[in-house]
């Protein structure tokens, strides 16, 4: 859902977390939705993407494309 240029807000309290602004209404109120970007999900889980070395240690060397995609 989050794309480049999307406004992000962080809420605290009963609905805490990272959200993106979906709509700004004429009266100034905002409609927000949870930030479902890969980066936000990784932050919520306290995870980081695997390095190439970690990936290859788990799955083997990265192969050249096979032309199927």
PDB file of N, CA and C in Angstrom:
ATOM      1  N   UNK A   1       0.824  -1.185   0.000  1.00  0.00           N
ATOM      2  CA  UNK A   1       0.000   0.000   0.000  1.00  0.00           C
ATOM      3  C   UNK A   1       0.868   1.248   0.000  1.00  0.00           C
ATOM      4  N   UNK A   2       1.919   1.284   0.812  1.00  0.00           N
ATOM      5  CA  UNK A   2       2.766   2.464   0.883  1.00  0.00           C
ATOM      6  C   UNK A   2       3.586   2.579  -0.389  1.00  0.00           C
ATOM      7  N   UNK A   3       3.552   3.746  -0.976  1.00  0.00           N
ATOM      8  CA  UNK A   3       4.348   3.997  -2.163  1.00  0.00           C
ATOM      9  C   UNK A   3       5.168   5.244  -1.933  1.00  0.00           C
ATOM     10  N   UNK A   4       6.109   5.457  -2.822  1.00  0.00           N
ATOM     11  CA  UNK A   4       6.942   6.641  -2.700  1.00  0.00           C
ATOM     12  C   UNK A   4       6.058   7.872  -2.772  1.00  0.00           C
ATOM     13  N   UNK A   5       6.254   8.812  -1.859  1.00  0.00           N
ATOM     14  CA  UNK A   5       5.450  10.016  -1.823  1.00  0.00           C
ATOM     15  C   UNK A   5       4.243   9.911  -0.916  1.00  0.00           C
ATOM     16  N   UNK A   6       3.950   8.733  -0.394  1.00  0.00           N
ATOM     17  CA  UNK A   6       2.835   8.550   0.524  1.00  0.00           C
ATOM     18  C   UNK A   6       3.214   9.113   1.881  1.00  0.00           C
ATOM     19  N   UNK A   7       2.284   9.841   2.489  1.00  0.00           N
ATOM     20  CA  UNK A   7       2.553  10.385   3.816  1.00  0.00           C
ATOM     21  C   UNK A   7       2.402   9.292   4.864  1.00  0.00           C
ATOM     22  N   UNK A   8       3.363   9.236   5.768  1.00  0.00           N
ATOM     23  CA  UNK A   8       3.355   8.258   6.851  1.00  0.00           C
ATOM     24  C   UNK A   8       3.089   8.968   8.170  1.00  0.00           C
ATOM     25  N   UNK A   9       2.369   8.303   9.057  1.00  0.00           N
ATOM     26  CA  UNK A   9       2.149   8.809  10.407  1.00  0.00           C
ATOM     27  C   UNK A   9       2.394   7.668  11.382  1.00  0.00           C
ATOM     28  N   UNK A  10       2.844   8.014  12.575  1.00  0.00           N
ATOM     29  CA  UNK A  10       3.023   7.030  13.636  1.00  0.00           C
ATOM     30  C   UNK A  10       2.030   7.363  14.733  1.00  0.00           C
ATOM     31  N   UNK A  11       1.185   6.409  15.066  1.00  0.00           N
ATOM     32  CA  UNK A  11       0.178   6.603  16.103  1.00  0.00           C
ATOM     33  C   UNK A  11       0.637   5.948  17.395  1.00  0.00           C
ATOM     34  N   UNK A  12       0.211   6.525  18.508  1.00  0.00           N
ATOM     35  CA  UNK A  12       0.480   5.918  19.809  1.00  0.00           C
ATOM     36  C   UNK A  12      -0.834   5.849  20.573  1.00  0.00           C
ATOM     37  N   UNK A  13      -0.884   4.973  21.544  1.00  0.00           N
ATOM     38  CA  UNK A  13      -2.112   4.769  22.300  1.00  0.00           C
ATOM     39  C   UNK A  13      -2.719   3.429  21.947  1.00  0.00           C
ATOM     40  N   UNK A  14      -4.059   3.371  21.909  1.00  0.00           N
ATOM     41  CA  UNK A  14      -4.743   2.110  21.607  1.00  0.00           C
ATOM     42  C   UNK A  14      -4.452   1.607  20.197  1.00  0.00           C
ATOM     43  N   UNK A  15      -4.221   2.488  19.272  1.00  0.00           N
ATOM     44  CA  UNK A  15      -3.944   2.134  17.869  1.00  0.00           C
ATOM     45  C   UNK A  15      -2.535   2.581  17.501  1.00  0.00           C
ATOM     46  N   UNK A  16      -1.547   2.006  18.142  1.00  0.00           N
ATOM     47  CA  UNK A  16      -0.172   2.442  17.899  1.00  0.00           C
ATOM     48  C   UNK A  16       0.414   1.714  16.699  1.00  0.00           C
ATOM     49  N   UNK A  17       1.359   2.363  16.057  1.00  0.00           N
ATOM     50  CA  UNK A  17       2.060   1.751  14.935  1.00  0.00           C
ATOM     51  C   UNK A  17       2.222   2.707  13.777  1.00  0.00           C
ATOM     52  N   UNK A  18       2.744   2.165  12.690  1.00  0.00           N
ATOM     53  CA  UNK A  18       2.981   2.952  11.487  1.00  0.00           C
ATOM     54  C   UNK A  18       1.764   2.860  10.569  1.00  0.00           C
ATOM     55  N   UNK A  19       1.332   3.998  10.072  1.00  0.00           N
ATOM     56  CA  UNK A  19       0.179   4.077   9.187  1.00  0.00           C
ATOM     57  C   UNK A  19       0.513   4.973   8.004  1.00  0.00           C
ATOM     58  N   UNK A  20      -0.264   4.838   6.936  1.00  0.00           N
ATOM     59  CA  UNK A  20      -0.150   5.725   5.779  1.00  0.00           C
ATOM     60  C   UNK A  20      -1.461   6.485   5.635  1.00  0.00           C
ATOM     61  N   UNK A  21      -1.350   7.721   5.155  1.00  0.00           N
ATOM     62  CA  UNK A  21      -2.530   8.549   4.937  1.00  0.00           C
ATOM     63  C   UNK A  21      -3.156   8.130   3.612  1.00  0.00           C
ATOM     64  N   UNK A  22      -4.406   7.674   3.680  1.00  0.00           N
ATOM     65  CA  UNK A  22      -5.133   7.228   2.496  1.00  0.00           C
ATOM     66  C   UNK A  22      -5.896   8.389   1.881  1.00  0.00           C
ATOM     67  N   UNK A  23      -6.436   9.254   2.740  1.00  0.00           N
ATOM     68  CA  UNK A  23      -7.263  10.359   2.260  1.00  0.00           C
ATOM     69  C   UNK A  23      -7.182  11.505   3.256  1.00  0.00           C
ATOM     70  N   UNK A  24      -7.106  12.723   2.727  1.00  0.00           N
ATOM     71  CA  UNK A  24      -7.224  13.913   3.573  1.00  0.00           C
ATOM     72  C   UNK A  24      -8.510  14.604   3.158  1.00  0.00           C
ATOM     73  N   UNK A  25      -9.425  14.712   4.096  1.00  0.00           N
ATOM     74  CA  UNK A  25     -10.747  15.258   3.805  1.00  0.00           C
ATOM     75  C   UNK A  25     -10.730  16.780   3.888  1.00  0.00           C
ATOM     76  N   UNK A  26     -11.715  17.438   3.275  1.00  0.00           N
ATOM     77  CA  UNK A  26     -11.747  18.906   3.264  1.00  0.00           C
ATOM     78  C   UNK A  26     -11.739  19.532   4.662  1.00  0.00           C
ATOM     79  N   UNK A  27     -12.296  18.825   5.663  1.00  0.00           N
ATOM     80  CA  UNK A  27     -12.315  19.380   7.020  1.00  0.00           C
ATOM     81  C   UNK A  27     -10.988  19.180   7.748  1.00  0.00           C
ATOM     82  N   UNK A  28      -9.999  18.571   7.078  1.00  0.00           N
ATOM     83  CA  UNK A  28      -8.684  18.362   7.684  1.00  0.00           C
ATOM     84  C   UNK A  28      -8.516  17.007   8.343  1.00  0.00           C
ATOM     85  N   UNK A  29      -9.594  16.239   8.463  1.00  0.00           N
ATOM     86  CA  UNK A  29      -9.460  14.911   9.069  1.00  0.00           C
ATOM     87  C   UNK A  29      -8.761  13.973   8.082  1.00  0.00           C
ATOM     88  N   UNK A  30      -8.133  12.957   8.632  1.00  0.00           N
ATOM     89  CA  UNK A  30      -7.369  12.012   7.824  1.00  0.00           C
ATOM     90  C   UNK A  30      -7.973  10.620   7.899  1.00  0.00           C
ATOM     91  N   UNK A  31      -7.903   9.903   6.806  1.00  0.00           N
ATOM     92  CA  UNK A  31      -8.225   8.481   6.780  1.00  0.00           C
ATOM     93  C   UNK A  31      -6.884   7.774   6.657  1.00  0.00           C
ATOM     94  N   UNK A  32      -6.591   6.882   7.603  1.00  0.00           N
ATOM     95  CA  UNK A  32      -5.304   6.189   7.600  1.00  0.00           C
ATOM     96  C   UNK A  32      -5.523   4.682   7.547  1.00  0.00           C
ATOM     97  N   UNK A  33      -4.490   3.982   7.076  1.00  0.00           N
ATOM     98  CA  UNK A  33      -4.503   2.520   7.014  1.00  0.00           C
ATOM     99  C   UNK A  33      -3.140   2.031   7.476  1.00  0.00           C
ATOM    100  N   UNK A  34      -3.068   0.821   8.019  1.00  0.00           N
ATOM    101  CA  UNK A  34      -1.767   0.293   8.435  1.00  0.00           C
ATOM    102  C   UNK A  34      -0.786   0.278   7.266  1.00  0.00           C
ATOM    103  N   UNK A  35       0.464   0.597   7.565  1.00  0.00           N
ATOM    104  CA  UNK A  35       1.521   0.560   6.554  1.00  0.00           C
ATOM    105  C   UNK A  35       1.883  -0.900   6.315  1.00  0.00           C
ATOM    106  N   UNK A  36       1.573  -1.407   5.131  1.00  0.00           N
ATOM    107  CA  UNK A  36       1.840  -2.810   4.810  1.00  0.00           C
ATOM    108  C   UNK A  36       3.033  -2.970   3.872  1.00  0.00           C
ATOM    109  N   UNK A  37       3.885  -1.941   3.804  1.00  0.00           N
ATOM    110  CA  UNK A  37       5.075  -2.059   2.963  1.00  0.00           C
ATOM    111  C   UNK A  37       6.026  -3.092   3.562  1.00  0.00           C
ATOM    112  N   UNK A  38       6.864  -3.655   2.723  1.00  0.00           N
ATOM    113  CA  UNK A  38       7.831  -4.658   3.189  1.00  0.00           C
ATOM    114  C   UNK A  38       8.723  -4.081   4.279  1.00  0.00           C
ATOM    115  N   UNK A  39       9.162  -2.832   4.111  1.00  0.00           N
ATOM    116  CA  UNK A  39      10.022  -2.211   5.124  1.00  0.00           C
ATOM    117  C   UNK A  39       9.313  -2.098   6.471  1.00  0.00           C
ATOM    118  N   UNK A  40       8.043  -1.702   6.459  1.00  0.00           N
ATOM    119  CA  UNK A  40       7.295  -1.566   7.710  1.00  0.00           C
ATOM    120  C   UNK A  40       7.096  -2.919   8.384  1.00  0.00           C
ATOM    121  N   UNK A  41       6.818  -3.939   7.599  1.00  0.00           N
ATOM    122  CA  UNK A  41       6.638  -5.280   8.165  1.00  0.00           C
ATOM    123  C   UNK A  41       7.939  -5.756   8.797  1.00  0.00           C
ATOM    124  N   UNK A  42       9.060  -5.546   8.120  1.00  0.00           N
ATOM    125  CA  UNK A  42      10.355  -5.939   8.682  1.00  0.00           C
ATOM    126  C   UNK A  42      10.631  -5.204   9.995  1.00  0.00           C
ATOM    127  N   UNK A  43      10.322  -3.894  10.045  1.00  0.00           N
ATOM    128  CA  UNK A  43      10.540  -3.124  11.282  1.00  0.00           C
ATOM    129  C   UNK A  43       9.663  -3.643  12.417  1.00  0.00           C
ATOM    130  N   UNK A  44       8.392  -3.956  12.121  1.00  0.00           N
ATOM    131  CA  UNK A  44       7.490  -4.459  13.171  1.00  0.00           C
ATOM    132  C   UNK A  44       7.991  -5.774  13.754  1.00  0.00           C
ATOM    133  N   UNK A  45       8.619  -6.594  12.947  1.00  0.00           N
ATOM    134  CA  UNK A  45       9.106  -7.897  13.389  1.00  0.00           C
ATOM    135  C   UNK A  45      10.554  -7.848  13.870  1.00  0.00           C
ATOM    136  N   UNK A  46      11.140  -6.647  13.915  1.00  0.00           N
ATOM    137  CA  UNK A  46      12.560  -6.485  14.271  1.00  0.00           C
ATOM    138  C   UNK A  46      13.450  -7.368  13.406  1.00  0.00           C
ATOM    139  N   UNK A  47      13.190  -7.368  12.113  1.00  0.00           N
ATOM    140  CA  UNK A  47      13.951  -8.194  11.180  1.00  0.00           C
ATOM    141  C   UNK A  47      14.699  -7.304  10.194  1.00  0.00           C
ATOM    142  N   UNK A  48      15.721  -7.867   9.582  1.00  0.00           N
ATOM    143  CA  UNK A  48      16.441  -7.191   8.510  1.00  0.00           C
ATOM    144  C   UNK A  48      16.529  -8.150   7.331  1.00  0.00           C
ATOM    145  N   UNK A  49      16.601  -7.622   6.121  1.00  0.00           N
ATOM    146  CA  UNK A  49      16.738  -8.514   4.971  1.00  0.00           C
ATOM    147  C   UNK A  49      18.047  -9.294   5.053  1.00  0.00           C
ATOM    148  N   UNK A  50      18.057 -10.491   4.527  1.00  0.00           N
ATOM    149  CA  UNK A  50      19.273 -11.307   4.513  1.00  0.00           C
ATOM    150  C   UNK A  50      20.295 -10.687   3.570  1.00  0.00           C
ATOM    151  N   UNK A  51      21.553 -10.801   3.942  1.00  0.00           N
ATOM    152  CA  UNK A  51      22.619 -10.397   3.032  1.00  0.00           C
ATOM    153  C   UNK A  51      22.769 -11.492   1.975  1.00  0.00           C
ATOM    154  N   UNK A  52      23.485 -11.178   0.908  1.00  0.00           N
ATOM    155  CA  UNK A  52      23.744 -12.190  -0.123  1.00  0.00           C
ATOM    156  C   UNK A  52      24.443 -13.400   0.494  1.00  0.00           C
ATOM    157  N   UNK A  53      25.393 -13.141   1.391  1.00  0.00           N
ATOM    158  CA  UNK A  53      26.126 -14.238   2.031  1.00  0.00           C
ATOM    159  C   UNK A  53      25.187 -15.123   2.845  1.00  0.00           C
ATOM    160  N   UNK A  54      24.279 -14.507   3.615  1.00  0.00           N
ATOM    161  CA  UNK A  54      23.325 -15.281   4.413  1.00  0.00           C
ATOM    162  C   UNK A  54      22.376 -16.080   3.515  1.00  0.00           C
ATOM    163  N   UNK A  55      21.915 -15.446   2.432  1.00  0.00           N
ATOM    164  CA  UNK A  55      21.013 -16.126   1.506  1.00  0.00           C
ATOM    165  C   UNK A  55      21.691 -17.345   0.890  1.00  0.00           C
ATOM    166  N   UNK A  56      22.926 -17.143   0.403  1.00  0.00           N
ATOM    167  CA  UNK A  56      23.636 -18.250  -0.240  1.00  0.00           C
ATOM    168  C   UNK A  56      23.988 -19.356   0.747  1.00  0.00           C
ATOM    169  N   UNK A  57      24.253 -19.007   2.011  1.00  0.00           N
ATOM    170  CA  UNK A  57      24.528 -20.029   3.022  1.00  0.00           C
ATOM    171  C   UNK A  57      23.291 -20.893   3.266  1.00  0.00           C
ATOM    172  N   UNK A  58      22.112 -20.303   3.164  1.00  0.00           N
ATOM    173  CA  UNK A  58      20.862 -21.032   3.401  1.00  0.00           C
ATOM    174  C   UNK A  58      20.384 -21.801   2.165  1.00  0.00           C
ATOM    175  N   UNK A  59      20.472 -21.164   0.988  1.00  0.00           N
ATOM    176  CA  UNK A  59      19.852 -21.724  -0.219  1.00  0.00           C
ATOM    177  C   UNK A  59      20.830 -22.092  -1.333  1.00  0.00           C
ATOM    178  N   UNK A  60      22.105 -21.796  -1.173  1.00  0.00           N
ATOM    179  CA  UNK A  60      23.078 -22.061  -2.231  1.00  0.00           C
ATOM    180  C   UNK A  60      23.276 -20.831  -3.101  1.00  0.00           C
ATOM    181  N   UNK A  61      24.220 -20.913  -4.027  1.00  0.00           N
ATOM    182  CA  UNK A  61      24.524 -19.748  -4.860  1.00  0.00           C
ATOM    183  C   UNK A  61      23.329 -19.326  -5.715  1.00  0.00           C
ATOM    184  N   UNK A  62      23.253 -18.039  -5.963  1.00  0.00           N
ATOM    185  CA  UNK A  62      22.198 -17.501  -6.821  1.00  0.00           C
ATOM    186  C   UNK A  62      22.535 -17.879  -8.259  1.00  0.00           C
ATOM    187  N   UNK A  63      21.569 -18.465  -8.933  1.00  0.00           N
ATOM    188  CA  UNK A  63      21.761 -18.929 -10.305  1.00  0.00           C
ATOM    189  C   UNK A  63      21.384 -17.829 -11.297  1.00  0.00           C
ATOM    190  N   UNK A  64      21.903 -17.909 -12.522  1.00  0.00           N
ATOM    191  CA  UNK A  64      21.498 -16.933 -13.541  1.00  0.00           C
ATOM    192  C   UNK A  64      20.025 -17.142 -13.896  1.00  0.00           C
ATOM    193  N   UNK A  65      19.375 -16.103 -14.416  1.00  0.00           N
ATOM    194  CA  UNK A  65      17.968 -16.247 -14.798  1.00  0.00           C
ATOM    195  C   UNK A  65      17.796 -17.359 -15.828  1.00  0.00           C
ATOM    196  N   UNK A  66      16.661 -18.048 -15.754  1.00  0.00           N
ATOM    197  CA  UNK A  66      16.421 -19.154 -16.681  1.00  0.00           C
ATOM    198  C   UNK A  66      15.498 -18.777 -17.832  1.00  0.00           C
ATOM    199  N   UNK A  67      15.094 -17.522 -17.894  1.00  0.00           N
ATOM    200  CA  UNK A  67      14.267 -17.058 -18.999  1.00  0.00           C
ATOM    201  C   UNK A  67      12.799 -17.406 -18.885  1.00  0.00           C
ATOM    202  N   UNK A  68      12.364 -17.927 -17.735  1.00  0.00           N
ATOM    203  CA  UNK A  68      10.959 -18.310 -17.583  1.00  0.00           C
ATOM    204  C   UNK A  68      10.074 -17.166 -17.121  1.00  0.00           C
ATOM    205  N   UNK A  69      10.660 -16.093 -16.629  1.00  0.00           N
ATOM    206  CA  UNK A  69       9.844 -15.053 -16.036  1.00  0.00           C
ATOM    207  C   UNK A  69       9.734 -13.874 -16.875  1.00  0.00           C
TER     208      UNK A  69
END
